Amino acid sequence: MTIFQSPQRVAIALRDDTLTEREKLNFLWVLIALSAIFGESGILETFRSLFSVYGLPLLALWGIPVWGIIASYRVNRQGDNQNFVERFICLTASLSIRADLVYAVLLTLIRFLGSSLLSGWLQFYLAQLVVIGTTLYIYLRLKTLMSIATDTANE
């Protein structure tokens, strides 16, 4: 089955459990690609900003998730090679809740304390470090949790 099938055929394939993990991963890549192209901080904006002060942080924010998805997929494939998308969504959501709380607290501190103590550029880069750090935490931890979910952590 390809990503270009009708939504009804995809629903039937999901119901009948005939989609492979690789096919499910392809659907995830399509969603990411669409949001990358058309999203607010899309890849087109990143490439336009690449040679400005905004380019490197934006590039990191695209590179980390791509690396994280590939790494966690490989861990899942080395394990039982089952339920990758379900595991990915559940684990990422769980990790994101914690990371977003830390992100909110740190960003609030940077915004309120930084407005009187830090220059605009320094405040921007500190905020970007928080964003990059929380994103990196999610995907590094996801790789470890995926090995637990596939029962390869003890090997």
N, C-alpha and C. Protein backbone atom coordinates (compact mmCIF):
# COMPACT_ATOMS: atom_id res chain seq x y z
N MET A 1 0.85 -1.18 0.00
CA MET A 1 0.00 0.00 0.00
C MET A 1 0.89 1.24 0.00
N THR A 2 0.50 2.21 -0.79
CA THR A 2 1.26 3.45 -0.83
C THR A 2 0.50 4.55 -0.11
N ILE A 3 1.19 5.65 0.11
CA ILE A 3 0.58 6.78 0.79
C ILE A 3 -0.48 7.46 -0.06
N PHE A 4 -0.54 7.12 -1.33
CA PHE A 4 -1.49 7.75 -2.24
C PHE A 4 -2.81 6.99 -2.35
N GLN A 5 -2.99 5.96 -1.54
CA GLN A 5 -4.26 5.21 -1.52
C GLN A 5 -5.37 6.09 -0.95
N SER A 6 -6.59 5.73 -1.24
CA SER A 6 -7.72 6.49 -0.70
C SER A 6 -7.76 6.30 0.82
N PRO A 7 -8.23 7.31 1.53
CA PRO A 7 -8.33 7.18 2.99
C PRO A 7 -9.17 5.97 3.42
N GLN A 8 -10.19 5.64 2.65
CA GLN A 8 -11.02 4.48 3.00
C GLN A 8 -10.22 3.19 2.93
N ARG A 9 -9.39 3.04 1.90
CA ARG A 9 -8.55 1.83 1.79
C ARG A 9 -7.54 1.77 2.92
N VAL A 10 -7.02 2.93 3.31
CA VAL A 10 -6.09 2.96 4.44
C VAL A 10 -6.80 2.53 5.71
N ALA A 11 -8.02 3.02 5.91
CA ALA A 11 -8.79 2.63 7.11
C ALA A 11 -9.05 1.13 7.13
N ILE A 12 -9.37 0.57 5.98
CA ILE A 12 -9.61 -0.88 5.90
C ILE A 12 -8.32 -1.64 6.20
N ALA A 13 -7.21 -1.17 5.66
CA ALA A 13 -5.92 -1.83 5.92
C ALA A 13 -5.55 -1.75 7.40
N LEU A 14 -5.86 -0.63 8.04
CA LEU A 14 -5.61 -0.52 9.48
C LEU A 14 -6.50 -1.47 10.26
N ARG A 15 -7.76 -1.53 9.87
CA ARG A 15 -8.69 -2.43 10.54
C ARG A 15 -8.25 -3.89 10.39
N ASP A 16 -7.83 -4.25 9.19
CA ASP A 16 -7.43 -5.63 8.92
C ASP A 16 -6.00 -5.94 9.33
N ASP A 17 -5.31 -4.92 9.84
CA ASP A 17 -3.92 -5.06 10.29
C ASP A 17 -3.01 -5.57 9.18
N THR A 18 -3.16 -4.98 7.99
CA THR A 18 -2.34 -5.40 6.85
C THR A 18 -1.25 -4.38 6.50
N LEU A 19 -1.21 -3.26 7.19
CA LEU A 19 -0.14 -2.30 6.96
C LEU A 19 1.11 -2.74 7.70
N THR A 20 2.24 -2.69 7.01
CA THR A 20 3.51 -3.01 7.67
C THR A 20 3.96 -1.80 8.48
N GLU A 21 4.92 -2.02 9.36
CA GLU A 21 5.48 -0.91 10.14
C GLU A 21 6.13 0.11 9.21
N ARG A 22 6.76 -0.34 8.16
CA ARG A 22 7.40 0.56 7.20
C ARG A 22 6.35 1.43 6.51
N GLU A 23 5.21 0.85 6.15
CA GLU A 23 4.15 1.64 5.52
C GLU A 23 3.58 2.67 6.49
N LYS A 24 3.42 2.28 7.75
CA LYS A 24 2.95 3.24 8.75
C LYS A 24 3.96 4.36 8.93
N LEU A 25 5.24 4.01 8.92
CA LEU A 25 6.29 5.02 9.03
C LEU A 25 6.22 5.99 7.86
N ASN A 26 5.92 5.49 6.68
CA ASN A 26 5.79 6.37 5.51
C ASN A 26 4.67 7.38 5.68
N PHE A 27 3.58 6.98 6.31
CA PHE A 27 2.50 7.92 6.59
C PHE A 27 2.97 9.01 7.55
N LEU A 28 3.75 8.62 8.54
CA LEU A 28 4.29 9.59 9.49
C LEU A 28 5.21 10.58 8.77
N TRP A 29 6.06 10.06 7.88
CA TRP A 29 6.95 10.94 7.12
C TRP A 29 6.16 11.94 6.28
N VAL A 30 5.05 11.49 5.72
CA VAL A 30 4.21 12.39 4.91
C VAL A 30 3.67 13.52 5.78
N LEU A 31 3.18 13.18 6.96
CA LEU A 31 2.68 14.22 7.87
C LEU A 31 3.77 15.22 8.22
N ILE A 32 4.95 14.71 8.51
CA ILE A 32 6.07 15.58 8.86
C ILE A 32 6.44 16.46 7.67
N ALA A 33 6.48 15.86 6.49
CA ALA A 33 6.83 16.63 5.29
C ALA A 33 5.81 17.73 5.02
N LEU A 34 4.54 17.41 5.16
CA LEU A 34 3.50 18.42 4.92
C LEU A 34 3.60 19.56 5.92
N SER A 35 3.81 19.22 7.18
CA SER A 35 3.94 20.29 8.18
C SER A 35 5.24 21.06 7.99
N ALA A 36 6.26 20.37 7.48
CA ALA A 36 7.53 21.04 7.22
C ALA A 36 7.40 22.06 6.10
N ILE A 37 6.66 21.70 5.09
CA ILE A 37 6.51 22.59 3.95
C ILE A 37 5.54 23.71 4.24
N PHE A 38 4.43 23.38 4.84
CA PHE A 38 3.37 24.36 5.00
C PHE A 38 3.24 24.91 6.40
N GLY A 39 4.00 24.38 7.35
CA GLY A 39 3.90 24.82 8.73
C GLY A 39 4.47 26.22 8.93
N GLU A 40 4.21 26.76 10.10
CA GLU A 40 4.62 28.13 10.40
C GLU A 40 6.15 28.29 10.35
N SER A 41 6.87 27.34 10.91
CA SER A 41 8.33 27.36 10.85
C SER A 41 8.80 26.26 9.92
N GLY A 42 8.30 26.29 8.73
CA GLY A 42 8.57 25.22 7.77
C GLY A 42 10.01 25.20 7.28
N ILE A 43 10.31 24.16 6.56
CA ILE A 43 11.67 23.97 6.05
C ILE A 43 12.02 25.06 5.04
N LEU A 44 11.02 25.59 4.33
CA LEU A 44 11.30 26.67 3.39
C LEU A 44 11.78 27.91 4.13
N GLU A 45 11.17 28.19 5.27
CA GLU A 45 11.61 29.31 6.11
C GLU A 45 13.01 29.06 6.65
N THR A 46 13.30 27.82 6.99
CA THR A 46 14.63 27.46 7.49
C THR A 46 15.68 27.70 6.42
N PHE A 47 15.42 27.26 5.19
CA PHE A 47 16.39 27.46 4.12
C PHE A 47 16.56 28.94 3.78
N ARG A 48 15.47 29.70 3.85
CA ARG A 48 15.58 31.13 3.61
C ARG A 48 16.43 31.81 4.67
N SER A 49 16.35 31.30 5.91
CA SER A 49 17.07 31.90 7.03
C SER A 49 18.43 31.27 7.28
N LEU A 50 18.81 30.30 6.46
CA LEU A 50 20.01 29.51 6.73
C LEU A 50 21.26 30.35 6.94
N PHE A 51 21.41 31.41 6.21
CA PHE A 51 22.62 32.22 6.32
C PHE A 51 22.43 33.45 7.20
N SER A 52 21.39 33.44 8.00
CA SER A 52 21.19 34.51 8.97
C SER A 52 21.39 33.93 10.37
N VAL A 53 21.21 34.76 11.38
CA VAL A 53 21.39 34.31 12.76
C VAL A 53 20.32 33.31 13.17
N TYR A 54 19.22 33.26 12.46
CA TYR A 54 18.14 32.33 12.79
C TYR A 54 18.32 30.95 12.17
N GLY A 55 19.17 30.84 11.18
CA GLY A 55 19.28 29.62 10.41
C GLY A 55 19.74 28.40 11.17
N LEU A 56 20.82 28.51 11.94
CA LEU A 56 21.37 27.35 12.63
C LEU A 56 20.40 26.76 13.65
N PRO A 57 19.77 27.58 14.51
CA PRO A 57 18.79 26.98 15.43
C PRO A 57 17.62 26.31 14.72
N LEU A 58 17.14 26.91 13.64
CA LEU A 58 16.04 26.30 12.89
C LEU A 58 16.47 25.00 12.25
N LEU A 59 17.69 24.96 11.74
CA LEU A 59 18.20 23.74 11.12
C LEU A 59 18.33 22.63 12.16
N ALA A 60 18.79 22.97 13.35
CA ALA A 60 18.90 21.97 14.43
C ALA A 60 17.53 21.44 14.80
N LEU A 61 16.53 22.30 14.80
CA LEU A 61 15.18 21.87 15.17
C LEU A 61 14.55 20.98 14.11
N TRP A 62 15.09 20.96 12.91
CA TRP A 62 14.63 20.01 11.90
C TRP A 62 15.47 18.75 11.93
N GLY A 63 16.75 18.89 12.19
CA GLY A 63 17.64 17.74 12.18
C GLY A 63 17.43 16.78 13.34
N ILE A 64 17.19 17.30 14.53
CA ILE A 64 17.03 16.45 15.71
C ILE A 64 15.84 15.50 15.57
N PRO A 65 14.65 15.97 15.21
CA PRO A 65 13.54 15.01 15.05
C PRO A 65 13.76 13.98 13.95
N VAL A 66 14.35 14.39 12.84
CA VAL A 66 14.61 13.41 11.77
C VAL A 66 15.55 12.33 12.29
N TRP A 67 16.65 12.74 12.94
CA TRP A 67 17.57 11.77 13.52
C TRP A 67 16.85 10.89 14.55
N GLY A 68 16.04 11.51 15.42
CA GLY A 68 15.35 10.77 16.48
C GLY A 68 14.38 9.73 15.95
N ILE A 69 13.65 10.08 14.92
CA ILE A 69 12.71 9.13 14.33
C ILE A 69 13.45 7.96 13.70
N ILE A 70 14.51 8.26 12.97
CA ILE A 70 15.29 7.19 12.34
C ILE A 70 15.92 6.29 13.40
N ALA A 71 16.50 6.88 14.44
CA ALA A 71 17.15 6.09 15.49
C ALA A 71 16.15 5.22 16.24
N SER A 72 14.99 5.77 16.58
CA SER A 72 14.00 4.98 17.32
C SER A 72 13.39 3.90 16.43
N TYR A 73 13.24 4.18 15.13
CA TYR A 73 12.75 3.16 14.21
C TYR A 73 13.73 2.00 14.12
N ARG A 74 15.02 2.30 14.09
CA ARG A 74 16.03 1.24 14.03
C ARG A 74 16.01 0.39 15.30
N VAL A 75 15.85 1.03 16.45
CA VAL A 75 15.76 0.27 17.71
C VAL A 75 14.55 -0.64 17.66
N ASN A 76 13.42 -0.13 17.20
CA ASN A 76 12.20 -0.94 17.10
C ASN A 76 12.40 -2.10 16.13
N ARG A 77 13.04 -1.83 15.00
CA ARG A 77 13.29 -2.86 13.99
C ARG A 77 14.21 -3.95 14.53
N GLN A 78 15.21 -3.56 15.33
CA GLN A 78 16.12 -4.55 15.92
C GLN A 78 15.44 -5.36 17.01
N GLY A 79 14.39 -4.80 17.59
CA GLY A 79 13.62 -5.52 18.61
C GLY A 79 12.61 -6.43 17.95
N ASP A 80 11.34 -6.24 18.29
CA ASP A 80 10.30 -7.11 17.74
C ASP A 80 9.72 -6.59 16.42
N ASN A 81 10.12 -5.40 15.99
CA ASN A 81 9.67 -4.80 14.72
C ASN A 81 8.15 -4.72 14.63
N GLN A 82 7.51 -4.44 15.73
CA GLN A 82 6.05 -4.34 15.78
C GLN A 82 5.65 -2.98 16.35
N ASN A 83 4.51 -2.49 15.94
CA ASN A 83 3.83 -1.35 16.56
C ASN A 83 4.68 -0.09 16.69
N PHE A 84 5.52 0.19 15.71
CA PHE A 84 6.39 1.37 15.81
C PHE A 84 5.60 2.66 15.95
N VAL A 85 4.63 2.86 15.07
CA VAL A 85 3.90 4.13 15.08
C VAL A 85 3.16 4.32 16.39
N GLU A 86 2.52 3.26 16.87
CA GLU A 86 1.81 3.35 18.14
C GLU A 86 2.77 3.69 19.27
N ARG A 87 3.91 3.00 19.31
CA ARG A 87 4.92 3.26 20.35
C ARG A 87 5.47 4.68 20.22
N PHE A 88 5.77 5.07 19.00
CA PHE A 88 6.32 6.40 18.77
C PHE A 88 5.37 7.48 19.26
N ILE A 89 4.12 7.38 18.89
CA ILE A 89 3.15 8.40 19.27
C ILE A 89 2.96 8.44 20.78
N CYS A 90 2.77 7.29 21.40
CA CYS A 90 2.54 7.25 22.85
C CYS A 90 3.75 7.72 23.64
N LEU A 91 4.92 7.23 23.28
CA LEU A 91 6.13 7.62 24.02
C LEU A 91 6.48 9.08 23.79
N THR A 92 6.35 9.55 22.56
CA THR A 92 6.65 10.94 22.28
C THR A 92 5.69 11.88 23.00
N ALA A 93 4.42 11.52 23.04
CA ALA A 93 3.45 12.35 23.75
C ALA A 93 3.78 12.41 25.24
N SER A 94 4.11 11.26 25.82
CA SER A 94 4.45 11.21 27.23
C SER A 94 5.70 12.04 27.54
N LEU A 95 6.71 11.91 26.71
CA LEU A 95 7.94 12.69 26.90
C LEU A 95 7.70 14.18 26.66
N SER A 96 6.86 14.50 25.71
CA SER A 96 6.61 15.90 25.37
C SER A 96 5.93 16.65 26.50
N ILE A 97 5.09 15.97 27.25
CA ILE A 97 4.42 16.63 28.38
C ILE A 97 5.46 17.13 29.37
N ARG A 98 6.40 16.27 29.74
CA ARG A 98 7.46 16.67 30.68
C ARG A 98 8.36 17.75 30.07
N ALA A 99 8.76 17.53 28.84
CA ALA A 99 9.66 18.49 28.19
C ALA A 99 8.99 19.85 28.03
N ASP A 100 7.71 19.86 27.71
CA ASP A 100 7.01 21.13 27.54
C ASP A 100 6.85 21.89 28.85
N LEU A 101 6.70 21.17 29.96
CA LEU A 101 6.64 21.83 31.26
C LEU A 101 7.97 22.51 31.58
N VAL A 102 9.07 21.80 31.37
CA VAL A 102 10.40 22.38 31.59
C VAL A 102 10.61 23.56 30.64
N TYR A 103 10.22 23.38 29.40
CA TYR A 103 10.33 24.43 28.40
C TYR A 103 9.57 25.68 28.84
N ALA A 104 8.34 25.51 29.30
CA ALA A 104 7.52 26.66 29.70
C ALA A 104 8.14 27.41 30.87
N VAL A 105 8.64 26.68 31.85
CA VAL A 105 9.25 27.33 33.02
C VAL A 105 10.51 28.09 32.60
N LEU A 106 11.39 27.42 31.87
CA LEU A 106 12.64 28.07 31.47
C LEU A 106 12.41 29.25 30.53
N LEU A 107 11.50 29.10 29.61
CA LEU A 107 11.22 30.19 28.68
C LEU A 107 10.60 31.38 29.40
N THR A 108 9.75 31.11 30.37
CA THR A 108 9.17 32.20 31.17
C THR A 108 10.26 32.95 31.92
N LEU A 109 11.19 32.21 32.50
CA LEU A 109 12.31 32.86 33.20
C LEU A 109 13.15 33.70 32.24
N ILE A 110 13.43 33.16 31.09
CA ILE A 110 14.23 33.90 30.11
C ILE A 110 13.50 35.16 29.66
N ARG A 111 12.22 35.05 29.42
CA ARG A 111 11.45 36.21 28.94
C ARG A 111 11.33 37.30 30.01
N PHE A 112 10.99 36.90 31.25
CA PHE A 112 10.78 37.91 32.28
C PHE A 112 12.08 38.45 32.85
N LEU A 113 13.01 37.58 33.18
CA LEU A 113 14.29 38.04 33.71
C LEU A 113 15.17 38.60 32.61
N GLY A 114 15.07 37.98 31.45
CA GLY A 114 15.91 38.40 30.34
C GLY A 114 15.57 39.76 29.78
N SER A 115 14.33 40.17 29.87
CA SER A 115 13.95 41.45 29.28
C SER A 115 14.67 42.61 29.94
N SER A 116 15.02 42.48 31.21
CA SER A 116 15.72 43.57 31.89
C SER A 116 17.23 43.33 31.98
N LEU A 117 17.66 42.07 31.87
CA LEU A 117 19.08 41.75 32.07
C LEU A 117 19.84 41.39 30.80
N LEU A 118 19.15 40.89 29.80
CA LEU A 118 19.83 40.36 28.62
C LEU A 118 19.50 41.16 27.37
N SER A 119 20.44 41.18 26.44
CA SER A 119 20.17 41.82 25.15
C SER A 119 19.20 40.95 24.36
N GLY A 120 18.63 41.50 23.33
CA GLY A 120 17.66 40.77 22.52
C GLY A 120 18.24 39.52 21.89
N TRP A 121 19.48 39.63 21.37
CA TRP A 121 20.11 38.47 20.72
C TRP A 121 20.42 37.38 21.72
N LEU A 122 20.93 37.76 22.89
CA LEU A 122 21.26 36.76 23.90
C LEU A 122 19.99 36.07 24.40
N GLN A 123 18.95 36.84 24.56
CA GLN A 123 17.66 36.28 24.97
C GLN A 123 17.15 35.30 23.90
N PHE A 124 17.29 35.67 22.64
CA PHE A 124 16.88 34.79 21.54
C PHE A 124 17.65 33.48 21.58
N TYR A 125 18.98 33.56 21.71
CA TYR A 125 19.79 32.34 21.69
C TYR A 125 19.56 31.47 22.92
N LEU A 126 19.33 32.07 24.07
CA LEU A 126 19.00 31.27 25.25
C LEU A 126 17.67 30.54 25.05
N ALA A 127 16.71 31.24 24.49
CA ALA A 127 15.41 30.61 24.22
C ALA A 127 15.58 29.47 23.22
N GLN A 128 16.40 29.67 22.20
CA GLN A 128 16.62 28.61 21.21
C GLN A 128 17.35 27.42 21.82
N LEU A 129 18.27 27.67 22.74
CA LEU A 129 18.95 26.57 23.44
C LEU A 129 17.96 25.75 24.25
N VAL A 130 17.00 26.41 24.86
CA VAL A 130 15.97 25.69 25.62
C VAL A 130 15.14 24.82 24.67
N VAL A 131 14.75 25.38 23.55
CA VAL A 131 13.95 24.63 22.57
C VAL A 131 14.75 23.44 22.04
N ILE A 132 15.99 23.67 21.66
CA ILE A 132 16.83 22.59 21.14
C ILE A 132 17.08 21.55 22.22
N GLY A 133 17.34 22.00 23.44
CA GLY A 133 17.59 21.06 24.54
C GLY A 133 16.40 20.18 24.85
N THR A 134 15.21 20.75 24.89
CA THR A 134 14.03 19.93 25.18
C THR A 134 13.72 18.98 24.03
N THR A 135 13.93 19.43 22.81
CA THR A 135 13.72 18.55 21.65
C THR A 135 14.73 17.40 21.66
N LEU A 136 15.97 17.71 21.97
CA LEU A 136 17.01 16.68 22.05
C LEU A 136 16.70 15.68 23.16
N TYR A 137 16.23 16.19 24.31
CA TYR A 137 15.85 15.30 25.41
C TYR A 137 14.79 14.30 24.96
N ILE A 138 13.77 14.79 24.27
CA ILE A 138 12.67 13.92 23.84
C ILE A 138 13.21 12.77 22.98
N TYR A 139 14.03 13.09 22.00
CA TYR A 139 14.45 12.05 21.06
C TYR A 139 15.56 11.16 21.60
N LEU A 140 16.42 11.68 22.47
CA LEU A 140 17.41 10.80 23.11
C LEU A 140 16.72 9.82 24.05
N ARG A 141 15.78 10.32 24.81
CA ARG A 141 15.04 9.47 25.75
C ARG A 141 14.14 8.49 25.00
N LEU A 142 13.58 8.93 23.88
CA LEU A 142 12.71 8.07 23.08
C LEU A 142 13.45 6.82 22.63
N LYS A 143 14.69 6.99 22.23
CA LYS A 143 15.49 5.85 21.77
C LYS A 143 15.62 4.82 22.89
N THR A 144 15.88 5.26 24.11
CA THR A 144 16.00 4.36 25.26
C THR A 144 14.66 3.70 25.58
N LEU A 145 13.60 4.48 25.59
CA LEU A 145 12.28 3.93 25.90
C LEU A 145 11.80 2.96 24.83
N MET A 146 12.18 3.20 23.59
CA MET A 146 11.80 2.29 22.51
C MET A 146 12.45 0.92 22.73
N SER A 147 13.68 0.91 23.25
CA SER A 147 14.32 -0.39 23.51
C SER A 147 13.62 -1.11 24.65
N ILE A 148 13.07 -0.38 25.60
CA ILE A 148 12.28 -1.01 26.67
C ILE A 148 10.98 -1.56 26.10
N ALA A 149 10.32 -0.77 25.26
CA ALA A 149 9.04 -1.20 24.69
C ALA A 149 9.19 -2.41 23.78
N THR A 150 10.35 -2.55 23.14
CA THR A 150 10.57 -3.70 22.26
C THR A 150 11.25 -4.84 22.99
N ASP A 151 11.50 -4.65 24.27
CA ASP A 151 12.11 -5.66 25.13
C ASP A 151 13.53 -6.00 24.68
N THR A 152 14.26 -5.01 24.18
CA THR A 152 15.67 -5.22 23.83
C THR A 152 16.60 -4.53 24.81
N ALA A 153 16.05 -3.93 25.87
CA ALA A 153 16.87 -3.20 26.83
C ALA A 153 17.78 -4.12 27.62
N ASN A 154 17.39 -5.37 27.81
CA ASN A 154 18.19 -6.30 28.61
C ASN A 154 19.25 -7.02 27.81
N GLU A 155 19.25 -6.83 26.50
CA GLU A 155 20.21 -7.56 25.66
C GLU A 155 21.54 -6.87 25.61
